[in-house]
Protein backbone atom coordinates (compact mmCIF):
# COMPACT_ATOMS: atom_id res chain seq x y z
CA UNK A 1 43.80 34.60 -70.48
CA UNK A 2 42.70 31.30 -71.85
CA UNK A 3 40.52 28.83 -69.99
CA UNK A 4 43.42 26.36 -69.77
CA UNK A 5 45.59 28.96 -68.02
CA UNK A 6 42.83 29.72 -65.50
CA UNK A 7 42.42 26.01 -64.65
CA UNK A 8 46.16 25.52 -64.08
CA UNK A 9 46.35 28.58 -61.78
CA UNK A 10 43.35 27.33 -59.69
CA UNK A 11 44.95 23.91 -59.27
CA UNK A 12 48.17 25.47 -57.98
CA UNK A 13 46.30 27.53 -55.38
CA UNK A 14 44.37 24.42 -54.21
CA UNK A 15 47.58 22.40 -53.78
CA UNK A 16 49.24 25.21 -51.81
CA UNK A 17 46.24 25.49 -49.46
CA UNK A 18 46.18 21.74 -48.83
CA UNK A 19 49.89 21.73 -48.02
CA UNK A 20 49.42 24.59 -45.53
CA UNK A 21 46.58 22.71 -43.77
CA UNK A 22 48.74 19.61 -43.44
CA UNK A 23 51.61 21.64 -41.98
CA UNK A 24 49.34 23.27 -39.40
CA UNK A 25 47.80 19.92 -38.44
CA UNK A 26 51.24 18.38 -37.93
CA UNK A 27 52.13 21.31 -35.64
CA UNK A 28 49.11 20.77 -33.36
CA UNK A 29 46.53 22.88 -35.23
CA UNK A 30 45.33 26.40 -34.68
CA UNK A 31 43.25 25.57 -31.57
CA UNK A 32 46.23 24.83 -29.35
CA UNK A 33 45.21 21.19 -28.81
CA UNK A 34 47.93 18.78 -27.80
CA UNK A 35 48.29 15.31 -29.13
CA UNK A 36 47.71 13.60 -25.78
CA UNK A 37 45.06 15.96 -24.38
CA UNK A 38 41.78 14.34 -23.33
CA UNK A 39 38.42 16.06 -23.04
CA UNK A 40 35.36 14.92 -21.04
CA UNK A 41 31.75 15.95 -20.63
CA UNK A 42 30.98 17.31 -17.13
CA UNK A 43 27.46 15.88 -17.31
CA UNK A 44 28.46 12.54 -18.86
CA UNK A 45 31.96 11.74 -17.53
CA UNK A 46 32.01 8.39 -19.29
CA UNK A 47 32.33 10.20 -22.62
CA UNK A 48 35.98 11.09 -23.33
CA UNK A 49 37.41 12.53 -26.54
CA UNK A 50 40.94 13.34 -27.72
CA UNK A 51 39.84 16.63 -29.21
CA UNK A 52 37.70 19.58 -28.07
CA UNK A 53 34.11 19.93 -29.13
CA UNK A 54 30.65 19.19 -27.82
CA UNK A 55 29.19 16.18 -26.01
CA UNK A 56 27.10 14.21 -28.52
CA UNK A 57 24.61 13.41 -25.74
CA UNK A 58 23.85 16.79 -24.14
CA UNK A 59 25.84 19.15 -26.46
CA UNK A 60 27.75 20.64 -23.52
CA UNK A 61 31.23 21.99 -24.26
CA UNK A 62 33.89 19.39 -23.45
CA UNK A 63 36.36 20.22 -20.69
CA UNK A 64 40.08 19.42 -20.92
CA UNK A 65 41.16 16.82 -18.36
CA UNK A 66 44.32 17.50 -16.38
CA UNK A 67 46.36 14.60 -14.99
CA UNK A 68 46.04 14.29 -11.20
CA UNK A 69 49.01 15.71 -9.29
CA UNK A 70 50.44 17.68 -12.24
CA UNK A 71 51.53 21.30 -12.01
CA UNK A 72 48.78 22.30 -14.39
CA UNK A 73 46.07 21.07 -12.03
CA UNK A 74 46.24 24.12 -9.80
CA UNK A 75 46.39 26.50 -12.73
CA UNK A 76 43.39 24.69 -14.21
CA UNK A 77 41.53 25.07 -10.91
CA UNK A 78 42.39 28.78 -10.82
CA UNK A 79 41.16 29.13 -14.38
CA UNK A 80 38.02 27.17 -13.49
CA UNK A 81 37.40 29.34 -10.44
CA UNK A 82 37.57 32.42 -12.65
CA UNK A 83 34.72 31.08 -14.75
CA UNK A 84 32.37 30.73 -11.75
CA UNK A 85 29.78 33.18 -10.64
CA UNK A 86 29.71 34.79 -7.21
CA UNK A 87 27.75 31.83 -5.76
CA UNK A 88 30.66 29.49 -6.31
CA UNK A 89 28.63 27.50 -8.83
CA UNK A 90 30.52 26.26 -11.92
CA UNK A 91 29.51 27.97 -15.11
CA UNK A 92 27.63 25.71 -17.47
CA UNK A 93 26.66 23.21 -14.72
CA UNK A 94 23.13 24.44 -14.35
CA UNK A 95 23.45 25.47 -10.70
CA UNK A 96 25.59 22.56 -9.46
CA UNK A 97 26.40 23.11 -5.77
CA UNK A 98 30.06 22.13 -6.04
CA UNK A 99 32.50 25.10 -5.99
CA UNK A 100 35.42 23.15 -7.38
CA UNK A 101 33.55 21.07 -9.91
CA UNK A 102 34.02 17.37 -10.54
CA UNK A 103 37.46 16.23 -11.32
CA UNK A 104 40.70 14.94 -9.88
CA UNK A 105 41.38 15.46 -6.21
CA UNK A 106 37.71 15.30 -5.00
CA UNK A 107 37.27 14.39 -1.33
CA UNK A 108 36.09 10.81 -1.05
CA UNK A 109 33.58 9.47 1.46
CA UNK A 110 32.85 6.23 3.28
CA UNK A 111 30.15 5.40 0.71
CA UNK A 112 31.62 3.71 -2.38
CA UNK A 113 31.03 5.73 -5.54
CA UNK A 114 30.34 8.99 -3.69
CA UNK A 115 32.38 12.09 -2.82
CA UNK A 116 31.89 14.91 -0.33
CA UNK A 117 30.19 17.95 -1.91
CA UNK A 118 30.99 21.56 -0.97
CA UNK A 119 28.92 24.65 -1.73
CA UNK A 120 28.89 28.33 -0.83
CA UNK A 121 25.97 30.00 0.94
CA UNK A 122 24.70 31.52 -2.29
CA UNK A 123 25.19 28.23 -4.10
CA UNK A 124 23.11 26.47 -1.45
CA UNK A 125 20.39 29.07 -1.80
CA UNK A 126 20.30 28.80 -5.58
CA UNK A 127 20.22 25.02 -5.45
CA UNK A 128 17.43 25.08 -2.84
CA UNK A 129 19.29 22.93 -0.30
CA UNK A 130 17.41 22.55 2.98
CA UNK A 131 18.28 20.52 6.06
CA UNK A 132 16.52 19.33 9.20
CA UNK A 133 17.92 17.75 12.37
CA UNK A 134 17.56 14.05 13.14
CA UNK A 135 15.49 13.64 16.31
CA UNK A 136 14.73 10.87 18.75
CA UNK A 137 11.08 9.91 19.08
CA UNK A 138 8.29 7.38 18.63
CA UNK A 139 7.04 6.16 15.27
CA UNK A 140 3.83 4.33 14.43
CA UNK A 141 3.59 2.57 11.12
CA UNK A 142 0.11 2.50 9.66
CA UNK A 143 -1.04 0.14 6.94
CA UNK A 144 -3.71 1.66 4.70
CA UNK A 145 -6.02 -0.53 2.68
CA UNK A 146 -9.40 -0.54 0.99
CA UNK A 147 -12.07 -2.68 2.59
CA UNK A 148 -15.53 -3.94 1.69
CA UNK A 149 -18.42 -4.16 4.14
CA UNK A 150 -19.80 -7.70 4.40
CA UNK A 151 -22.52 -9.27 6.57
CA UNK A 152 -21.33 -11.03 9.68
CA UNK A 153 -21.87 -14.64 8.66
CA UNK A 154 -22.30 -15.75 12.26
CA UNK A 155 -25.43 -13.55 12.43
CA UNK A 156 -27.13 -14.94 9.32
CA UNK A 157 -30.07 -17.31 9.86
CA UNK A 158 -31.99 -19.33 7.28
CA UNK A 159 -35.58 -20.40 7.92
CA UNK A 160 -36.33 -23.79 6.32
CA UNK A 161 -39.55 -25.71 5.86
CA UNK A 162 -39.70 -28.83 8.05
CA UNK A 163 -43.02 -30.14 6.79
CA UNK A 164 -44.94 -29.98 3.54
CA UNK A 165 -47.84 -27.56 3.12
CA UNK A 166 -49.05 -24.29 1.60
CA UNK A 167 -48.35 -20.64 2.44
CA UNK A 168 -51.71 -19.05 3.27
CA UNK A 169 -50.58 -15.78 4.87
CA UNK A 170 -47.24 -14.11 4.19
CA UNK A 171 -46.28 -11.41 6.68
CA UNK A 172 -42.64 -10.88 5.69
CA UNK A 173 -43.38 -10.37 2.04
CA UNK A 174 -40.37 -8.48 0.58
CA UNK A 175 -36.60 -8.48 0.76
CA UNK A 176 -35.08 -5.85 3.02
CA UNK A 177 -37.99 -5.94 5.45
CA UNK A 178 -36.95 -5.59 9.08
CA UNK A 179 -38.30 -8.22 11.47
CA UNK A 180 -37.84 -8.73 15.19
CA UNK A 181 -37.31 -11.99 17.00
CA UNK A 182 -40.66 -13.67 17.73
CA UNK A 183 -42.63 -11.68 15.17
CA UNK A 184 -44.70 -13.70 12.63
CA UNK A 185 -43.23 -14.48 9.23
CA UNK A 186 -45.97 -16.54 7.58
CA UNK A 187 -49.00 -18.74 8.18
CA UNK A 188 -48.76 -22.34 6.96
CA UNK A 189 -51.45 -24.90 6.29
CA UNK A 190 -50.03 -28.39 6.66
CA UNK A 191 -52.05 -31.60 7.02
CA UNK A 192 -49.01 -33.12 8.71
CA UNK A 193 -48.93 -30.37 11.36
CA UNK A 194 -52.69 -30.64 11.83
CA UNK A 195 -52.39 -34.38 12.47
CA UNK A 196 -49.49 -33.84 14.86
CA UNK A 197 -51.53 -31.37 16.90
CA UNK A 198 -54.42 -33.81 17.11
CA UNK A 199 -52.02 -36.59 18.13
CA UNK A 200 -50.61 -34.42 20.90
CA UNK A 201 -54.03 -33.52 22.25
CA UNK A 202 -55.10 -37.19 22.34
CA UNK A 203 -51.84 -38.23 24.04
CA UNK A 204 -52.25 -35.47 26.58
CA UNK A 205 -55.86 -36.48 27.32
CA UNK A 206 -54.76 -40.11 27.79
CA UNK A 207 -51.87 -39.07 29.98
CA UNK A 208 -54.13 -37.12 32.29
CA UNK A 209 -56.52 -40.07 32.53
CA UNK A 210 -53.81 -42.63 33.28
CA UNK A 211 -51.71 -40.44 35.55
CA UNK A 212 -53.48 -41.89 38.64
CA UNK A 213 -53.03 -45.55 37.62
CA UNK A 214 -51.74 -47.89 40.30
CA UNK A 215 -49.40 -49.44 37.77
CA UNK A 216 -46.30 -47.32 37.51
CA UNK A 217 -45.52 -48.64 34.06
CA UNK A 218 -48.88 -47.45 32.73
CA UNK A 219 -48.64 -43.93 34.12
CA UNK A 220 -45.06 -43.57 33.02
CA UNK A 221 -45.84 -44.83 29.51
CA UNK A 222 -48.68 -42.36 29.12
CA UNK A 223 -46.43 -39.48 30.24
CA UNK A 224 -43.74 -40.54 27.74
CA UNK A 225 -46.28 -40.45 24.91
CA UNK A 226 -47.30 -36.91 25.81
CA UNK A 227 -43.69 -35.78 25.95
CA UNK A 228 -42.90 -37.40 22.58
CA UNK A 229 -45.91 -35.77 20.87
CA UNK A 230 -44.93 -32.39 22.33
CA UNK A 231 -41.33 -32.76 21.20
CA UNK A 232 -42.46 -33.64 17.68
CA UNK A 233 -44.41 -30.39 17.39
CA UNK A 234 -41.36 -28.43 18.56
CA UNK A 235 -39.15 -30.16 15.98
CA UNK A 236 -41.65 -29.26 13.25
CA UNK A 237 -41.16 -25.60 14.16
CA UNK A 238 -44.48 -25.05 15.90
CA UNK A 239 -44.11 -22.07 18.30
CA UNK A 240 -44.51 -22.81 22.00
CA UNK A 241 -47.19 -20.13 22.16
CA UNK A 242 -49.35 -22.15 19.75
CA UNK A 243 -48.80 -25.35 21.76
CA UNK A 244 -49.92 -23.54 24.91
CA UNK A 245 -52.95 -22.24 23.10
CA UNK A 246 -54.15 -25.64 21.84
CA UNK A 247 -53.61 -27.06 25.33
CA UNK A 248 -56.02 -24.46 26.68
CA UNK A 249 -58.62 -24.77 23.91
CA UNK A 250 -58.27 -28.52 23.36
CA UNK A 251 -58.63 -28.00 19.60
CA UNK A 252 -55.92 -28.12 16.85
CA UNK A 253 -55.43 -25.07 14.64
CA UNK A 254 -55.62 -25.43 10.87
CA UNK A 255 -52.79 -23.00 10.20
CA UNK A 256 -49.52 -22.62 12.04
CA UNK A 257 -47.75 -19.25 12.24
CA UNK A 258 -43.95 -19.41 11.95
CA UNK A 259 -42.06 -16.65 13.77
CA UNK A 260 -38.65 -14.99 13.22
CA UNK A 261 -35.83 -16.80 15.02
CA UNK A 262 -33.77 -13.59 15.34
CA UNK A 263 -33.90 -9.86 14.75
CA UNK A 264 -32.63 -8.64 11.40
CA UNK A 265 -33.40 -7.90 7.78
CA UNK A 266 -34.96 -10.29 5.30
CA UNK A 267 -32.12 -10.66 2.81
CA UNK A 268 -33.49 -13.76 1.07
CA UNK A 269 -37.03 -14.84 0.16
CA UNK A 270 -38.22 -17.20 -2.56
CA UNK A 271 -41.84 -17.78 -1.55
CA UNK A 272 -45.15 -16.00 -2.04
CA UNK A 273 -48.74 -16.42 -0.87
CA UNK A 274 -50.02 -19.78 -2.05
CA UNK A 275 -46.58 -21.29 -2.60
CA UNK A 276 -46.41 -25.02 -1.92
CA UNK A 277 -43.45 -25.88 0.23
CA UNK A 278 -41.61 -29.09 0.91
CA UNK A 279 -39.25 -30.07 3.72
CA UNK A 280 -35.80 -28.54 3.21
CA UNK A 281 -36.97 -25.52 1.20
CA UNK A 282 -35.35 -22.24 2.30
CA UNK A 283 -38.16 -19.87 3.20
CA UNK A 284 -36.25 -16.80 4.44
CA UNK A 285 -32.71 -15.57 5.07
CA UNK A 286 -32.55 -13.16 8.00
CA UNK A 287 -29.37 -11.13 8.54
CA UNK A 288 -28.54 -9.16 11.65
CA UNK A 289 -26.53 -6.07 10.59
CA UNK A 290 -25.94 -4.69 14.09
CA UNK A 291 -22.43 -6.13 13.74
CA UNK A 292 -20.69 -6.36 10.35
CA UNK A 293 -17.38 -7.40 8.84
CA UNK A 294 -15.01 -5.13 6.94
CA UNK A 295 -12.68 -7.22 4.81
CA UNK A 296 -9.53 -5.33 3.82
CA UNK A 297 -7.12 -6.23 1.02
CA UNK A 298 -3.63 -5.90 2.50
CA UNK A 299 -0.64 -6.15 0.15
CA UNK A 300 1.67 -9.08 0.72
CA UNK A 301 4.66 -6.94 1.75
CA UNK A 302 2.58 -5.45 4.61
CA UNK A 303 0.50 -8.47 5.59
CA UNK A 304 3.14 -9.68 8.05
CA UNK A 305 2.55 -6.54 10.12
CA UNK A 306 -1.07 -7.50 10.89
CA UNK A 307 -2.01 -10.02 13.58
CA UNK A 308 -5.21 -11.25 15.19
CA UNK A 309 -6.45 -8.52 17.52
CA UNK A 310 -4.75 -5.67 15.64
CA UNK A 311 -6.83 -2.49 15.84
CA UNK A 312 -8.03 -0.63 12.76
CA UNK A 313 -9.89 2.63 12.21
CA UNK A 314 -12.66 2.48 9.60
CA UNK A 315 -13.64 5.64 7.73
CA UNK A 316 -15.84 6.37 4.74
CA UNK A 317 -14.44 8.45 1.85
CA UNK A 318 -17.70 10.40 1.50
CA UNK A 319 -18.39 10.79 5.25
CA UNK A 320 -15.53 12.66 6.93
CA UNK A 321 -17.41 12.60 10.24
CA UNK A 322 -17.78 8.81 10.35
CA UNK A 323 -15.26 6.79 12.35
CA UNK A 324 -15.48 3.24 13.68
CA UNK A 325 -12.93 1.02 15.42
CA UNK A 326 -12.61 -2.75 15.19
CA UNK A 327 -10.18 -5.59 15.76
CA UNK A 328 -8.83 -8.12 13.29
CA UNK A 329 -10.66 -11.42 13.82
CA UNK A 330 -9.42 -13.40 10.83
CA UNK A 331 -6.48 -13.38 8.40
CA UNK A 332 -6.83 -15.42 5.23
CA UNK A 333 -4.34 -18.31 5.03
CA UNK A 334 -3.87 -17.82 1.28
CA UNK A 335 -2.83 -14.98 -1.02
CA UNK A 336 -4.91 -13.77 -3.95
CA UNK A 337 -2.52 -14.31 -6.91
CA UNK A 338 -4.35 -11.77 -9.06
CA UNK A 339 -4.15 -8.80 -6.67
CA UNK A 340 -1.20 -9.99 -4.51
CA UNK A 341 -3.24 -9.19 -1.40
CA UNK A 342 -4.33 -11.00 1.76
CA UNK A 343 -7.85 -10.70 3.15
CA UNK A 344 -7.96 -9.35 6.71
CA UNK A 345 -11.32 -9.28 8.48
CA UNK A 346 -12.34 -6.72 11.10
CA UNK A 347 -15.49 -6.96 13.23
CA UNK A 348 -17.20 -3.57 13.48
CA UNK A 349 -20.20 -2.67 15.69
CA UNK A 350 -22.92 -1.15 13.54
CA UNK A 351 -25.77 -0.10 15.85
CA UNK A 352 -26.92 2.78 13.63
CA UNK A 353 -26.73 0.62 10.48
CA UNK A 354 -24.52 3.20 8.74
CA UNK A 355 -22.29 0.47 7.32
CA UNK A 356 -24.18 -1.43 4.66
CA UNK A 357 -22.99 -4.60 2.89
CA UNK A 358 -21.26 -3.76 -0.38
CA UNK A 359 -19.90 -0.39 0.75
CA UNK A 360 -16.24 0.52 0.29
CA UNK A 361 -14.38 1.77 3.34
CA UNK A 362 -10.91 3.09 4.15
CA UNK A 363 -9.04 0.91 6.63
CA UNK A 364 -6.09 2.30 8.59
CA UNK A 365 -4.35 -0.40 10.59
CA UNK A 366 -2.08 0.53 13.49
CA UNK A 367 0.44 -2.15 12.66
CA UNK A 368 3.72 -1.46 14.46
CA UNK A 369 5.43 0.96 16.84
CA UNK A 370 9.12 1.82 17.21
CA UNK A 371 11.45 4.22 19.02
CA UNK A 372 14.77 5.68 17.89
CA UNK A 373 16.40 8.25 15.60
CA UNK A 374 13.86 9.64 13.13
CA UNK A 375 14.39 11.62 9.92
CA UNK A 376 12.00 12.63 7.12
CA UNK A 377 11.44 9.88 4.60
CA UNK A 378 12.29 12.33 1.79
CA UNK A 379 15.89 12.57 3.02
CA UNK A 380 16.63 8.96 2.01
CA UNK A 381 17.91 8.21 -1.50
CA UNK A 382 17.20 4.56 -2.21
CA UNK A 383 19.24 3.21 -5.12
CA UNK A 384 18.11 -0.36 -4.59
CA UNK A 385 21.58 -1.49 -3.50
CA UNK A 386 21.97 0.99 -0.65
CA UNK A 387 20.19 3.80 1.13
CA UNK A 388 22.06 7.11 1.33
CA UNK A 389 21.44 10.41 3.11
CA UNK A 390 23.47 13.63 2.91
CA UNK A 391 24.54 15.12 6.24
CA UNK A 392 25.82 18.71 6.54
CA UNK A 393 29.12 18.13 8.27
CA UNK A 394 29.97 21.84 8.34
CA UNK A 395 28.77 24.99 6.63
CA UNK A 396 28.42 24.07 2.97
CA UNK A 397 30.05 20.63 3.40
CA UNK A 398 27.72 17.72 2.65
CA UNK A 399 28.82 14.18 3.39
CA UNK A 400 27.03 11.14 1.95
CA UNK A 401 26.33 8.41 4.49
CA UNK A 402 25.18 4.86 4.14
CA UNK A 403 22.24 4.31 6.51
CA UNK A 404 20.30 1.33 7.79
CA UNK A 405 16.58 2.02 7.79
CA UNK A 406 14.11 0.40 10.17
CA UNK A 407 10.42 1.19 10.45
CA UNK A 408 8.83 3.70 8.06
CA UNK A 409 5.57 5.54 8.51
CA UNK A 410 3.87 8.92 8.90
CA UNK A 411 6.36 10.39 6.39
CA UNK A 412 9.32 9.54 8.65
CA UNK A 413 11.88 6.76 8.86
CA UNK A 414 13.65 5.12 11.77
CA UNK A 415 17.45 5.11 11.31
CA UNK A 416 19.22 2.17 12.93
CA UNK A 417 22.76 3.18 11.84
CA UNK A 418 24.50 5.98 9.93
CA UNK A 419 22.92 9.07 11.50
CA UNK A 420 23.07 10.34 15.07
CA UNK A 421 20.63 12.54 16.95
CA UNK A 422 21.13 16.19 16.00
CA UNK A 423 22.77 15.53 12.61
CA UNK A 424 21.50 17.88 9.90
CA UNK A 425 20.17 15.80 7.00
CA UNK A 426 19.32 17.24 3.59
CA UNK A 427 15.62 17.05 2.74
CA UNK A 428 15.52 19.24 -0.40
CA UNK A 429 17.87 19.13 -3.41
CA UNK A 430 19.36 15.88 -2.10
CA UNK A 431 19.06 14.33 -5.56
CA UNK A 432 21.10 17.23 -6.95
CA UNK A 433 23.76 16.51 -4.32
CA UNK A 434 23.57 12.83 -5.19
CA UNK A 435 24.29 13.53 -8.88
CA UNK A 436 27.15 15.90 -8.07
CA UNK A 437 28.67 13.49 -5.55
CA UNK A 438 28.56 10.56 -7.96
CA UNK A 439 29.97 12.70 -10.77
CA UNK A 440 32.94 13.87 -8.72
CA UNK A 441 33.67 10.33 -7.54
CA UNK A 442 33.46 8.95 -11.08
CA UNK A 443 35.81 11.59 -12.50
CA UNK A 444 38.26 11.13 -9.64
CA UNK A 445 38.38 7.41 -10.29
CA UNK A 446 38.74 7.89 -14.02
CA UNK A 447 41.57 10.41 -13.64
CA UNK A 448 43.40 8.15 -11.19
CA UNK A 449 43.11 5.21 -13.54
CA UNK A 450 44.29 7.38 -16.42
CA UNK A 451 47.40 8.43 -14.48
CA UNK A 452 48.08 4.87 -13.28
CA UNK A 453 48.15 3.67 -16.88
CA UNK A 454 50.90 6.22 -17.62
CA UNK A 455 48.99 8.40 -20.04
CA UNK A 456 50.52 11.88 -20.08
């Protein structure tokens, strides 16, 4: 056989095969597909094809869609039921709790876009569905924040120089030193103070001499001079004990000892022995830490829950045994734009000095209390537009309900509407029910629209 004969015979076979393929395609093909059949993906119902195959998104086998209300619907459901396992879970749905699968004829609910979901006992067990009853009770909402320990500014005192002179004896000579009220801080030599003491002694001597004068103006004038000289020493910061001492001795003292005006810690000091001082110079900063502030950063969405007088519990992350209680004394009038928080100040007694400025502390604020129907916070599915919970209406029948949520805290939520006391709400696998419910509702709506448009 020549090569030309072989080529002609191969061409004839190819033409015959092509003709046969065209004939089969015009007759509906070998897979039994009908011209108007539609196929959808059970996991992605928005994908619809006019021929069988796989979903291009998840590669699940496409399911033929039956028109709602047709005679083939029941036969399709019987066929679908035969492909389920003993739990009533559709094959290929990865444990979906619905026994009838999404599709036309699903039972709708009062929540738009949702359908009632049904499941068998074994299906519920495989899906891990758990419920708990809604109860009536009290709920306390706590606001948790991080706080910083700060000195109580009302208990900070600065010691200033009121005259010029030299430091000749420094008693409080380092920062952090603890001093008590009335204890010496430093000794100061000041020619101005020395002259003021001498002036007071002379005025006092003259006042005693003229006190018995027959002229009232003279005796009164002498007494006024003594009082003015005494007051000047007090204004210069001379302790009353030193004034009493020079009254007894009749001699001025070269150095004056300045004493602490309050009990506390030396938190500021810029002088040393021999330092020359001038009026207005800050000598010491003394801070009383027996009462401190804890300033908490409260986020703006929770700041409205805090008011003056609100109680807070202060704990330390590294000291589980430490616990202090204080009340809110100040709420900042402005918001920090960088952190979106509001400063809330709590006054805390600190007798044992366990709270030190600069420490971090945990602040738990008892912000609000409420009474009513309570369910676990995990039972609520928040889509942003609505809040939905699934309630077991009967054995294996789960109904989605739109709920109105009030106060939330302690892992629970107050329900203002949508759930009654004693209703069994789903707390586990509720997101699985949510997906199944939405899927059934979407397919029901799509099938109804398909039938309304007259597509066979």
